[in-house]
Amino acid sequence: MSINKRIAELIVQLGDTENSFSKRLGASSSAIFNIVNPKGRMSYPSGIVLEKILLINEPAGRVSAEWLMRGEGQIFSDADEKFKDPSFLRNTITSLEDRLKKLESKL
């Protein structure tokens, strides 16, 4: 599957139209039309468009760079792995508790 078809699939998965997807990215509707619509030029997306696509963050996760660029794996990557690490969470909670105590002592 080409990158153009993967972007078209992403639009469907997000429940967007070409127009709403272009607004989501802050890109022109003609640029998205020319990337995904068979009636367009089927041009390759610019680096700026690719970067904006990779910044899409949905409840399912971020758009996977591996999927977008190579067609490998899932459309959305899992949530950031560091949040699954119990020691990271424990350290973050401890740090927040320390900050809270300092703020409370200043009151």
PDB file of N, CA and C in Angstrom:
ATOM      1  N   MET A   1       0.850  -1.177   0.000  1.00  0.00           N
ATOM      2  CA  MET A   1       0.000   0.000   0.000  1.00  0.00           C
ATOM      3  C   MET A   1       0.894   1.238   0.000  1.00  0.00           C
ATOM      4  N   SER A   2       0.569   2.192  -0.826  1.00  0.00           N
ATOM      5  CA  SER A   2       1.365   3.420  -0.931  1.00  0.00           C
ATOM      6  C   SER A   2       1.097   4.344   0.254  1.00  0.00           C
ATOM      7  N   ILE A   3       1.994   5.295   0.456  1.00  0.00           N
ATOM      8  CA  ILE A   3       1.813   6.266   1.535  1.00  0.00           C
ATOM      9  C   ILE A   3       0.530   7.066   1.307  1.00  0.00           C
ATOM     10  N   ASN A   4       0.178   7.321   0.060  1.00  0.00           N
ATOM     11  CA  ASN A   4      -1.052   8.035  -0.257  1.00  0.00           C
ATOM     12  C   ASN A   4      -2.268   7.259   0.245  1.00  0.00           C
ATOM     13  N   LYS A   5      -2.264   5.956   0.012  1.00  0.00           N
ATOM     14  CA  LYS A   5      -3.380   5.116   0.461  1.00  0.00           C
ATOM     15  C   LYS A   5      -3.398   5.007   1.983  1.00  0.00           C
ATOM     16  N   ARG A   6      -2.221   4.995   2.608  1.00  0.00           N
ATOM     17  CA  ARG A   6      -2.187   4.937   4.076  1.00  0.00           C
ATOM     18  C   ARG A   6      -2.763   6.223   4.675  1.00  0.00           C
ATOM     19  N   ILE A   7      -2.455   7.354   4.076  1.00  0.00           N
ATOM     20  CA  ILE A   7      -3.021   8.616   4.570  1.00  0.00           C
ATOM     21  C   ILE A   7      -4.529   8.624   4.360  1.00  0.00           C
ATOM     22  N   ALA A   8      -4.988   8.120   3.227  1.00  0.00           N
ATOM     23  CA  ALA A   8      -6.428   8.018   2.978  1.00  0.00           C
ATOM     24  C   ALA A   8      -7.075   7.110   4.023  1.00  0.00           C
ATOM     25  N   GLU A   9      -6.411   6.020   4.366  1.00  0.00           N
ATOM     26  CA  GLU A   9      -6.915   5.103   5.399  1.00  0.00           C
ATOM     27  C   GLU A   9      -6.952   5.793   6.757  1.00  0.00           C
ATOM     28  N   LEU A  10      -5.944   6.578   7.065  1.00  0.00           N
ATOM     29  CA  LEU A  10      -5.911   7.316   8.327  1.00  0.00           C
ATOM     30  C   LEU A  10      -7.102   8.270   8.415  1.00  0.00           C
ATOM     31  N   ILE A  11      -7.392   8.949   7.319  1.00  0.00           N
ATOM     32  CA  ILE A  11      -8.533   9.867   7.295  1.00  0.00           C
ATOM     33  C   ILE A  11      -9.814   9.115   7.639  1.00  0.00           C
ATOM     34  N   VAL A  12      -9.988   7.936   7.066  1.00  0.00           N
ATOM     35  CA  VAL A  12     -11.166   7.113   7.352  1.00  0.00           C
ATOM     36  C   VAL A  12     -11.181   6.699   8.820  1.00  0.00           C
ATOM     37  N   GLN A  13     -10.042   6.231   9.325  1.00  0.00           N
ATOM     38  CA  GLN A  13      -9.960   5.773  10.718  1.00  0.00           C
ATOM     39  C   GLN A  13     -10.267   6.893  11.708  1.00  0.00           C
ATOM     40  N   LEU A  14      -9.903   8.106  11.361  1.00  0.00           N
ATOM     41  CA  LEU A  14     -10.164   9.256  12.232  1.00  0.00           C
ATOM     42  C   LEU A  14     -11.591   9.761  12.101  1.00  0.00           C
ATOM     43  N   GLY A  15     -12.319   9.255  11.102  1.00  0.00           N
ATOM     44  CA  GLY A  15     -13.680   9.708  10.861  1.00  0.00           C
ATOM     45  C   GLY A  15     -13.721  11.091  10.237  1.00  0.00           C
ATOM     46  N   ASP A  16     -12.629  11.472   9.596  1.00  0.00           N
ATOM     47  CA  ASP A  16     -12.530  12.785   8.958  1.00  0.00           C
ATOM     48  C   ASP A  16     -12.918  12.705   7.485  1.00  0.00           C
ATOM     49  N   THR A  17     -13.124  13.859   6.899  1.00  0.00           N
ATOM     50  CA  THR A  17     -13.208  14.005   5.451  1.00  0.00           C
ATOM     51  C   THR A  17     -11.876  14.611   5.026  1.00  0.00           C
ATOM     52  N   GLU A  18     -11.635  14.684   3.736  1.00  0.00           N
ATOM     53  CA  GLU A  18     -10.400  15.334   3.272  1.00  0.00           C
ATOM     54  C   GLU A  18     -10.325  16.757   3.805  1.00  0.00           C
ATOM     55  N   ASN A  19     -11.460  17.446   3.778  1.00  0.00           N
ATOM     56  CA  ASN A  19     -11.498  18.836   4.219  1.00  0.00           C
ATOM     57  C   ASN A  19     -11.249  18.957   5.726  1.00  0.00           C
ATOM     58  N   SER A  20     -11.920  18.129   6.535  1.00  0.00           N
ATOM     59  CA  SER A  20     -11.717  18.221   7.989  1.00  0.00           C
ATOM     60  C   SER A  20     -10.311  17.773   8.381  1.00  0.00           C
ATOM     61  N   PHE A  21      -9.754  16.830   7.631  1.00  0.00           N
ATOM     62  CA  PHE A  21      -8.384  16.389   7.895  1.00  0.00           C
ATOM     63  C   PHE A  21      -7.400  17.516   7.588  1.00  0.00           C
ATOM     64  N   SER A  22      -7.643  18.231   6.494  1.00  0.00           N
ATOM     65  CA  SER A  22      -6.754  19.348   6.161  1.00  0.00           C
ATOM     66  C   SER A  22      -6.817  20.417   7.237  1.00  0.00           C
ATOM     67  N   LYS A  23      -8.010  20.666   7.787  1.00  0.00           N
ATOM     68  CA  LYS A  23      -8.155  21.630   8.879  1.00  0.00           C
ATOM     69  C   LYS A  23      -7.447  21.139  10.132  1.00  0.00           C
ATOM     70  N   ARG A  24      -7.564  19.852  10.417  1.00  0.00           N
ATOM     71  CA  ARG A  24      -6.891  19.266  11.578  1.00  0.00           C
ATOM     72  C   ARG A  24      -5.385  19.493  11.497  1.00  0.00           C
ATOM     73  N   LEU A  25      -4.850  19.381  10.290  1.00  0.00           N
ATOM     74  CA  LEU A  25      -3.404  19.529  10.095  1.00  0.00           C
ATOM     75  C   LEU A  25      -2.976  20.979   9.916  1.00  0.00           C
ATOM     76  N   GLY A  26      -3.916  21.828   9.558  1.00  0.00           N
ATOM     77  CA  GLY A  26      -3.545  23.192   9.212  1.00  0.00           C
ATOM     78  C   GLY A  26      -2.900  23.237   7.837  1.00  0.00           C
ATOM     79  N   ALA A  27      -3.340  22.335   6.971  1.00  0.00           N
ATOM     80  CA  ALA A  27      -2.822  22.256   5.596  1.00  0.00           C
ATOM     81  C   ALA A  27      -3.936  22.666   4.645  1.00  0.00           C
ATOM     82  N   SER A  28      -3.563  22.997   3.434  1.00  0.00           N
ATOM     83  CA  SER A  28      -4.589  23.381   2.469  1.00  0.00           C
ATOM     84  C   SER A  28      -5.367  22.137   2.033  1.00  0.00           C
ATOM     85  N   SER A  29      -6.648  22.345   1.761  1.00  0.00           N
ATOM     86  CA  SER A  29      -7.479  21.220   1.329  1.00  0.00           C
ATOM     87  C   SER A  29      -7.014  20.691  -0.027  1.00  0.00           C
ATOM     88  N   SER A  30      -6.473  21.574  -0.863  1.00  0.00           N
ATOM     89  CA  SER A  30      -5.985  21.115  -2.172  1.00  0.00           C
ATOM     90  C   SER A  30      -4.751  20.223  -2.010  1.00  0.00           C
ATOM     91  N   ALA A  31      -3.909  20.517  -1.022  1.00  0.00           N
ATOM     92  CA  ALA A  31      -2.729  19.668  -0.787  1.00  0.00           C
ATOM     93  C   ALA A  31      -3.161  18.264  -0.390  1.00  0.00           C
ATOM     94  N   ILE A  32      -4.138  18.168   0.503  1.00  0.00           N
ATOM     95  CA  ILE A  32      -4.616  16.850   0.941  1.00  0.00           C
ATOM     96  C   ILE A  32      -5.334  16.151  -0.210  1.00  0.00           C
ATOM     97  N   PHE A  33      -6.146  16.898  -0.962  1.00  0.00           N
ATOM     98  CA  PHE A  33      -6.825  16.342  -2.137  1.00  0.00           C
ATOM     99  C   PHE A  33      -5.804  15.716  -3.081  1.00  0.00           C
ATOM    100  N   ASN A  34      -4.725  16.432  -3.358  1.00  0.00           N
ATOM    101  CA  ASN A  34      -3.710  15.943  -4.301  1.00  0.00           C
ATOM    102  C   ASN A  34      -2.898  14.778  -3.753  1.00  0.00           C
ATOM    103  N   ILE A  35      -2.944  14.565  -2.440  1.00  0.00           N
ATOM    104  CA  ILE A  35      -2.242  13.425  -1.852  1.00  0.00           C
ATOM    105  C   ILE A  35      -3.112  12.182  -1.878  1.00  0.00           C
ATOM    106  N   VAL A  36      -4.403  12.316  -1.519  1.00  0.00           N
ATOM    107  CA  VAL A  36      -5.213  11.124  -1.287  1.00  0.00           C
ATOM    108  C   VAL A  36      -6.303  10.845  -2.311  1.00  0.00           C
ATOM    109  N   ASN A  37      -6.722  11.821  -3.057  1.00  0.00           N
ATOM    110  CA  ASN A  37      -7.844  11.621  -3.960  1.00  0.00           C
ATOM    111  C   ASN A  37      -7.351  11.149  -5.325  1.00  0.00           C
ATOM    112  N   PRO A  38      -7.884  10.026  -5.813  1.00  0.00           N
ATOM    113  CA  PRO A  38      -7.454   9.522  -7.125  1.00  0.00           C
ATOM    114  C   PRO A  38      -7.675  10.515  -8.259  1.00  0.00           C
ATOM    115  N   LYS A  39      -8.589  11.473  -8.073  1.00  0.00           N
ATOM    116  CA  LYS A  39      -8.811  12.504  -9.085  1.00  0.00           C
ATOM    117  C   LYS A  39      -7.741  13.591  -9.020  1.00  0.00           C
ATOM    118  N   GLY A  40      -6.961  13.596  -7.945  1.00  0.00           N
ATOM    119  CA  GLY A  40      -5.873  14.553  -7.791  1.00  0.00           C
ATOM    120  C   GLY A  40      -4.600  14.018  -8.423  1.00  0.00           C
ATOM    121  N   ARG A  41      -3.491  14.634  -8.081  1.00  0.00           N
ATOM    122  CA  ARG A  41      -2.199  14.248  -8.673  1.00  0.00           C
ATOM    123  C   ARG A  41      -1.574  13.028  -8.016  1.00  0.00           C
ATOM    124  N   MET A  42      -2.094  12.638  -6.861  1.00  0.00           N
ATOM    125  CA  MET A  42      -1.510  11.550  -6.055  1.00  0.00           C
ATOM    126  C   MET A  42      -0.047  11.859  -5.766  1.00  0.00           C
ATOM    127  N   SER A  43       0.197  13.121  -5.404  1.00  0.00           N
ATOM    128  CA  SER A  43       1.554  13.558  -5.092  1.00  0.00           C
ATOM    129  C   SER A  43       1.957  13.055  -3.710  1.00  0.00           C
ATOM    130  N   TYR A  44       3.250  12.989  -3.472  1.00  0.00           N
ATOM    131  CA  TYR A  44       3.747  12.580  -2.162  1.00  0.00           C
ATOM    132  C   TYR A  44       3.573  13.735  -1.184  1.00  0.00           C
ATOM    133  N   PRO A  45       3.281  13.415   0.077  1.00  0.00           N
ATOM    134  CA  PRO A  45       3.119  14.480   1.071  1.00  0.00           C
ATOM    135  C   PRO A  45       4.448  15.169   1.357  1.00  0.00           C
ATOM    136  N   SER A  46       4.375  16.459   1.639  1.00  0.00           N
ATOM    137  CA  SER A  46       5.586  17.204   1.988  1.00  0.00           C
ATOM    138  C   SER A  46       6.042  16.807   3.388  1.00  0.00           C
ATOM    139  N   GLY A  47       7.249  17.170   3.723  1.00  0.00           N
ATOM    140  CA  GLY A  47       7.780  16.901   5.055  1.00  0.00           C
ATOM    141  C   GLY A  47       6.943  17.559   6.136  1.00  0.00           C
ATOM    142  N   ILE A  48       6.442  18.759   5.856  1.00  0.00           N
ATOM    143  CA  ILE A  48       5.619  19.481   6.833  1.00  0.00           C
ATOM    144  C   ILE A  48       4.319  18.729   7.086  1.00  0.00           C
ATOM    145  N   VAL A  49       3.689  18.217   6.034  1.00  0.00           N
ATOM    146  CA  VAL A  49       2.447  17.459   6.186  1.00  0.00           C
ATOM    147  C   VAL A  49       2.722  16.181   6.967  1.00  0.00           C
ATOM    148  N   LEU A  50       3.805  15.498   6.638  1.00  0.00           N
ATOM    149  CA  LEU A  50       4.150  14.269   7.367  1.00  0.00           C
ATOM    150  C   LEU A  50       4.374  14.558   8.851  1.00  0.00           C
ATOM    151  N   GLU A  51       5.072  15.636   9.128  1.00  0.00           N
ATOM    152  CA  GLU A  51       5.342  16.005  10.518  1.00  0.00           C
ATOM    153  C   GLU A  51       4.041  16.274  11.267  1.00  0.00           C
ATOM    154  N   LYS A  52       3.123  16.980  10.636  1.00  0.00           N
ATOM    155  CA  LYS A  52       1.835  17.280  11.271  1.00  0.00           C
ATOM    156  C   LYS A  52       1.007  16.018  11.487  1.00  0.00           C
ATOM    157  N   ILE A  53       1.075  15.094  10.544  1.00  0.00           N
ATOM    158  CA  ILE A  53       0.361  13.827  10.701  1.00  0.00           C
ATOM    159  C   ILE A  53       0.916  13.066  11.907  1.00  0.00           C
ATOM    160  N   LEU A  54       2.231  13.058  12.045  1.00  0.00           N
ATOM    161  CA  LEU A  54       2.851  12.321  13.153  1.00  0.00           C
ATOM    162  C   LEU A  54       2.581  12.964  14.508  1.00  0.00           C
ATOM    163  N   LEU A  55       2.110  14.199  14.516  1.00  0.00           N
ATOM    164  CA  LEU A  55       1.763  14.867  15.774  1.00  0.00           C
ATOM    165  C   LEU A  55       0.318  14.612  16.191  1.00  0.00           C
ATOM    166  N   ILE A  56      -0.466  13.962  15.313  1.00  0.00           N
ATOM    167  CA  ILE A  56      -1.846  13.637  15.667  1.00  0.00           C
ATOM    168  C   ILE A  56      -1.811  12.679  16.844  1.00  0.00           C
ATOM    169  N   ASN A  57      -2.560  13.028  17.869  1.00  0.00           N
ATOM    170  CA  ASN A  57      -2.610  12.201  19.070  1.00  0.00           C
ATOM    171  C   ASN A  57      -4.070  11.919  19.399  1.00  0.00           C
ATOM    172  N   GLU A  58      -4.444  10.693  19.277  1.00  0.00           N
ATOM    173  CA  GLU A  58      -5.804  10.243  19.540  1.00  0.00           C
ATOM    174  C   GLU A  58      -5.809   9.367  20.786  1.00  0.00           C
ATOM    175  N   PRO A  59      -6.978   9.076  21.342  1.00  0.00           N
ATOM    176  CA  PRO A  59      -7.018   8.162  22.493  1.00  0.00           C
ATOM    177  C   PRO A  59      -6.335   6.823  22.216  1.00  0.00           C
ATOM    178  N   ALA A  60      -6.346   6.402  20.960  1.00  0.00           N
ATOM    179  CA  ALA A  60      -5.690   5.140  20.596  1.00  0.00           C
ATOM    180  C   ALA A  60      -4.173   5.269  20.578  1.00  0.00           C
ATOM    181  N   GLY A  61      -3.656   6.476  20.633  1.00  0.00           N
ATOM    182  CA  GLY A  61      -2.217   6.715  20.595  1.00  0.00           C
ATOM    183  C   GLY A  61      -1.863   7.678  19.483  1.00  0.00           C
ATOM    184  N   ARG A  62      -0.584   7.857  19.283  1.00  0.00           N
ATOM    185  CA  ARG A  62      -0.103   8.709  18.188  1.00  0.00           C
ATOM    186  C   ARG A  62      -0.058   7.900  16.907  1.00  0.00           C
ATOM    187  N   VAL A  63      -0.079   8.611  15.788  1.00  0.00           N
ATOM    188  CA  VAL A  63       0.064   7.944  14.500  1.00  0.00           C
ATOM    189  C   VAL A  63       1.471   7.348  14.463  1.00  0.00           C
ATOM    190  N   SER A  64       1.557   6.098  14.106  1.00  0.00           N
ATOM    191  CA  SER A  64       2.829   5.390  14.076  1.00  0.00           C
ATOM    192  C   SER A  64       3.647   5.793  12.852  1.00  0.00           C
ATOM    193  N   ALA A  65       4.880   6.224  13.089  1.00  0.00           N
ATOM    194  CA  ALA A  65       5.778   6.588  11.989  1.00  0.00           C
ATOM    195  C   ALA A  65       6.096   5.363  11.136  1.00  0.00           C
ATOM    196  N   GLU A  66       6.250   4.220  11.765  1.00  0.00           N
ATOM    197  CA  GLU A  66       6.544   2.987  11.014  1.00  0.00           C
ATOM    198  C   GLU A  66       5.407   2.661  10.058  1.00  0.00           C
ATOM    199  N   TRP A  67       4.190   2.801  10.548  1.00  0.00           N
ATOM    200  CA  TRP A  67       3.044   2.515   9.697  1.00  0.00           C
ATOM    201  C   TRP A  67       2.939   3.550   8.582  1.00  0.00           C
ATOM    202  N   LEU A  68       3.050   4.815   8.942  1.00  0.00           N
ATOM    203  CA  LEU A  68       2.888   5.877   7.948  1.00  0.00           C
ATOM    204  C   LEU A  68       3.935   5.785   6.847  1.00  0.00           C
ATOM    205  N   MET A  69       5.185   5.614   7.218  1.00  0.00           N
ATOM    206  CA  MET A  69       6.260   5.654   6.236  1.00  0.00           C
ATOM    207  C   MET A  69       6.492   4.318   5.524  1.00  0.00           C
ATOM    208  N   ARG A  70       6.325   3.218   6.254  1.00  0.00           N
ATOM    209  CA  ARG A  70       6.664   1.903   5.677  1.00  0.00           C
ATOM    210  C   ARG A  70       5.482   0.958   5.516  1.00  0.00           C
ATOM    211  N   GLY A  71       4.376   1.296   6.166  1.00  0.00           N
ATOM    212  CA  GLY A  71       3.229   0.399   6.120  1.00  0.00           C
ATOM    213  C   GLY A  71       3.373  -0.783   7.054  1.00  0.00           C
ATOM    214  N   GLU A  72       4.241  -0.659   8.058  1.00  0.00           N
ATOM    215  CA  GLU A  72       4.480  -1.754   8.996  1.00  0.00           C
ATOM    216  C   GLU A  72       3.838  -1.451  10.347  1.00  0.00           C
ATOM    217  N   GLY A  73       3.233  -2.469  10.939  1.00  0.00           N
ATOM    218  CA  GLY A  73       2.639  -2.306  12.257  1.00  0.00           C
ATOM    219  C   GLY A  73       1.237  -1.726  12.195  1.00  0.00           C
ATOM    220  N   GLN A  74       0.824  -1.144  13.308  1.00  0.00           N
ATOM    221  CA  GLN A  74      -0.520  -0.598  13.461  1.00  0.00           C
ATOM    222  C   GLN A  74      -0.549   0.893  13.121  1.00  0.00           C
ATOM    223  N   ILE A  75      -1.730   1.407  12.817  1.00  0.00           N
ATOM    224  CA  ILE A  75      -1.881   2.827  12.494  1.00  0.00           C
ATOM    225  C   ILE A  75      -1.467   3.687  13.680  1.00  0.00           C
ATOM    226  N   PHE A  76      -1.943   3.313  14.847  1.00  0.00           N
ATOM    227  CA  PHE A  76      -1.630   4.084  16.048  1.00  0.00           C
ATOM    228  C   PHE A  76      -0.648   3.315  16.900  1.00  0.00           C
ATOM    229  N   SER A  77       0.380   4.024  17.367  1.00  0.00           N
ATOM    230  CA  SER A  77       1.341   3.392  18.270  1.00  0.00           C
ATOM    231  C   SER A  77       0.720   3.346  19.653  1.00  0.00           C
ATOM    232  N   ASP A  78       1.203   2.452  20.467  1.00  0.00           N
ATOM    233  CA  ASP A  78       0.715   2.364  21.844  1.00  0.00           C
ATOM    234  C   ASP A  78       1.075   3.634  22.577  1.00  0.00           C
ATOM    235  N   ALA A  79       0.409   3.841  23.679  1.00  0.00           N
ATOM    236  CA  ALA A  79       0.747   4.986  24.526  1.00  0.00           C
ATOM    237  C   ALA A  79       2.219   4.899  24.884  1.00  0.00           C
ATOM    238  N   ASP A  80       2.800   6.018  25.187  1.00  0.00           N
ATOM    239  CA  ASP A  80       4.219   6.110  25.505  1.00  0.00           C
ATOM    240  C   ASP A  80       4.618   5.009  26.497  1.00  0.00           C
ATOM    241  N   GLU A  81       5.606   4.223  26.144  1.00  0.00           N
ATOM    242  CA  GLU A  81       6.025   3.090  26.951  1.00  0.00           C
ATOM    243  C   GLU A  81       6.476   3.479  28.355  1.00  0.00           C
ATOM    244  N   LYS A  82       7.046   4.668  28.519  1.00  0.00           N
ATOM    245  CA  LYS A  82       7.549   5.025  29.841  1.00  0.00           C
ATOM    246  C   LYS A  82       6.423   5.110  30.861  1.00  0.00           C
ATOM    247  N   PHE A  83       5.196   5.391  30.403  1.00  0.00           N
ATOM    248  CA  PHE A  83       4.083   5.467  31.330  1.00  0.00           C
ATOM    249  C   PHE A  83       3.637   4.089  31.809  1.00  0.00           C
ATOM    250  N   LYS A  84       4.094   3.045  31.144  1.00  0.00           N
ATOM    251  CA  LYS A  84       3.766   1.686  31.551  1.00  0.00           C
ATOM    252  C   LYS A  84       4.771   1.152  32.563  1.00  0.00           C
ATOM    253  N   ASP A  85       5.878   1.845  32.754  1.00  0.00           N
ATOM    254  CA  ASP A  85       6.934   1.418  33.664  1.00  0.00           C
ATOM    255  C   ASP A  85       6.567   1.828  35.092  1.00  0.00           C
ATOM    256  N   PRO A  86       6.365   0.854  36.002  1.00  0.00           N
ATOM    257  CA  PRO A  86       5.962   1.189  37.373  1.00  0.00           C
ATOM    258  C   PRO A  86       6.962   2.096  38.090  1.00  0.00           C
ATOM    259  N   SER A  87       8.248   1.943  37.834  1.00  0.00           N
ATOM    260  CA  SER A  87       9.229   2.789  38.518  1.00  0.00           C
ATOM    261  C   SER A  87       9.109   4.239  38.049  1.00  0.00           C
ATOM    262  N   PHE A  88       8.816   4.455  36.791  1.00  0.00           N
ATOM    263  CA  PHE A  88       8.606   5.814  36.295  1.00  0.00           C
ATOM    264  C   PHE A  88       7.418   6.449  37.000  1.00  0.00           C
ATOM    265  N   LEU A  89       6.332   5.678  37.099  1.00  0.00           N
ATOM    266  CA  LEU A  89       5.138   6.205  37.766  1.00  0.00           C
ATOM    267  C   LEU A  89       5.409   6.474  39.251  1.00  0.00           C
ATOM    268  N   ARG A  90       6.098   5.564  39.896  1.00  0.00           N
ATOM    269  CA  ARG A  90       6.410   5.731  41.320  1.00  0.00           C
ATOM    270  C   ARG A  90       7.266   6.977  41.546  1.00  0.00           C
ATOM    271  N   ASN A  91       8.279   7.158  40.721  1.00  0.00           N
ATOM    272  CA  ASN A  91       9.160   8.329  40.834  1.00  0.00           C
ATOM    273  C   ASN A  91       8.406   9.627  40.559  1.00  0.00           C
ATOM    274  N   THR A  92       7.511   9.584  39.589  1.00  0.00           N
ATOM    275  CA  THR A  92       6.721  10.772  39.272  1.00  0.00           C
ATOM    276  C   THR A  92       5.798  11.130  40.431  1.00  0.00           C
ATOM    277  N   ILE A  93       5.156  10.147  41.009  1.00  0.00           N
ATOM    278  CA  ILE A  93       4.264  10.391  42.149  1.00  0.00           C
ATOM    279  C   ILE A  93       5.052  10.942  43.329  1.00  0.00           C
ATOM    280  N   THR A  94       6.205  10.361  43.596  1.00  0.00           N
ATOM    281  CA  THR A  94       7.051  10.838  44.707  1.00  0.00           C
ATOM    282  C   THR A  94       7.468  12.281  44.473  1.00  0.00           C
ATOM    283  N   SER A  95       7.859  12.589  43.261  1.00  0.00           N
ATOM    284  CA  SER A  95       8.274  13.950  42.928  1.00  0.00           C
ATOM    285  C   SER A  95       7.112  14.937  43.109  1.00  0.00           C
ATOM    286  N   LEU A  96       5.943  14.554  42.679  1.00  0.00           N
ATOM    287  CA  LEU A  96       4.779  15.418  42.836  1.00  0.00           C
ATOM    288  C   LEU A  96       4.404  15.600  44.309  1.00  0.00           C
ATOM    289  N   GLU A  97       4.519  14.542  45.090  1.00  0.00           N
ATOM    290  CA  GLU A  97       4.244  14.649  46.526  1.00  0.00           C
ATOM    291  C   GLU A  97       5.223  15.596  47.202  1.00  0.00           C
ATOM    292  N   ASP A  98       6.488  15.512  46.822  1.00  0.00           N
ATOM    293  CA  ASP A  98       7.500  16.418  47.373  1.00  0.00           C
ATOM    294  C   ASP A  98       7.191  17.869  47.021  1.00  0.00           C
ATOM    295  N   ARG A  99       6.804  18.103  45.788  1.00  0.00           N
ATOM    296  CA  ARG A  99       6.459  19.464  45.368  1.00  0.00           C
ATOM    297  C   ARG A  99       5.255  19.988  46.155  1.00  0.00           C
ATOM    298  N   LEU A 100       4.267  19.121  46.338  1.00  0.00           N
ATOM    299  CA  LEU A 100       3.070  19.508  47.082  1.00  0.00           C
ATOM    300  C   LEU A 100       3.418  19.875  48.520  1.00  0.00           C
ATOM    301  N   LYS A 101       4.268  19.090  49.155  1.00  0.00           N
ATOM    302  CA  LYS A 101       4.686  19.387  50.531  1.00  0.00           C
ATOM    303  C   LYS A 101       5.397  20.728  50.622  1.00  0.00           C
ATOM    304  N   LYS A 102       6.255  21.012  49.653  1.00  0.00           N
ATOM    305  CA  LYS A 102       6.960  22.297  49.637  1.00  0.00           C
ATOM    306  C   LYS A 102       5.981  23.458  49.474  1.00  0.00           C
ATOM    307  N   LEU A 103       5.022  23.295  48.593  1.00  0.00           N
ATOM    308  CA  LEU A 103       4.026  24.344  48.389  1.00  0.00           C
ATOM    309  C   LEU A 103       3.165  24.537  49.635  1.00  0.00           C
ATOM    310  N   GLU A 104       2.795  23.436  50.279  1.00  0.00           N
ATOM    311  CA  GLU A 104       1.970  23.529  51.494  1.00  0.00           C
ATOM    312  C   GLU A 104       2.743  24.201  52.624  1.00  0.00           C
ATOM    313  N   SER A 105       4.036  23.961  52.688  1.00  0.00           N
ATOM    314  CA  SER A 105       4.846  24.564  53.770  1.00  0.00           C
ATOM    315  C   SER A 105       4.989  26.078  53.591  1.00  0.00           C
ATOM    316  N   LYS A 106       4.812  26.564  52.362  1.00  0.00           N
ATOM    317  CA  LYS A 106       4.914  27.996  52.101  1.00  0.00           C
ATOM    318  C   LYS A 106       3.622  28.733  52.426  1.00  0.00           C
ATOM    319  N   LEU A 107       2.547  28.013  52.657  1.00  0.00           N
ATOM    320  CA  LEU A 107       1.263  28.658  52.962  1.00  0.00           C
ATOM    321  C   LEU A 107       1.156  29.114  54.375  1.00  0.00           C
TER     322      LEU A 107
END
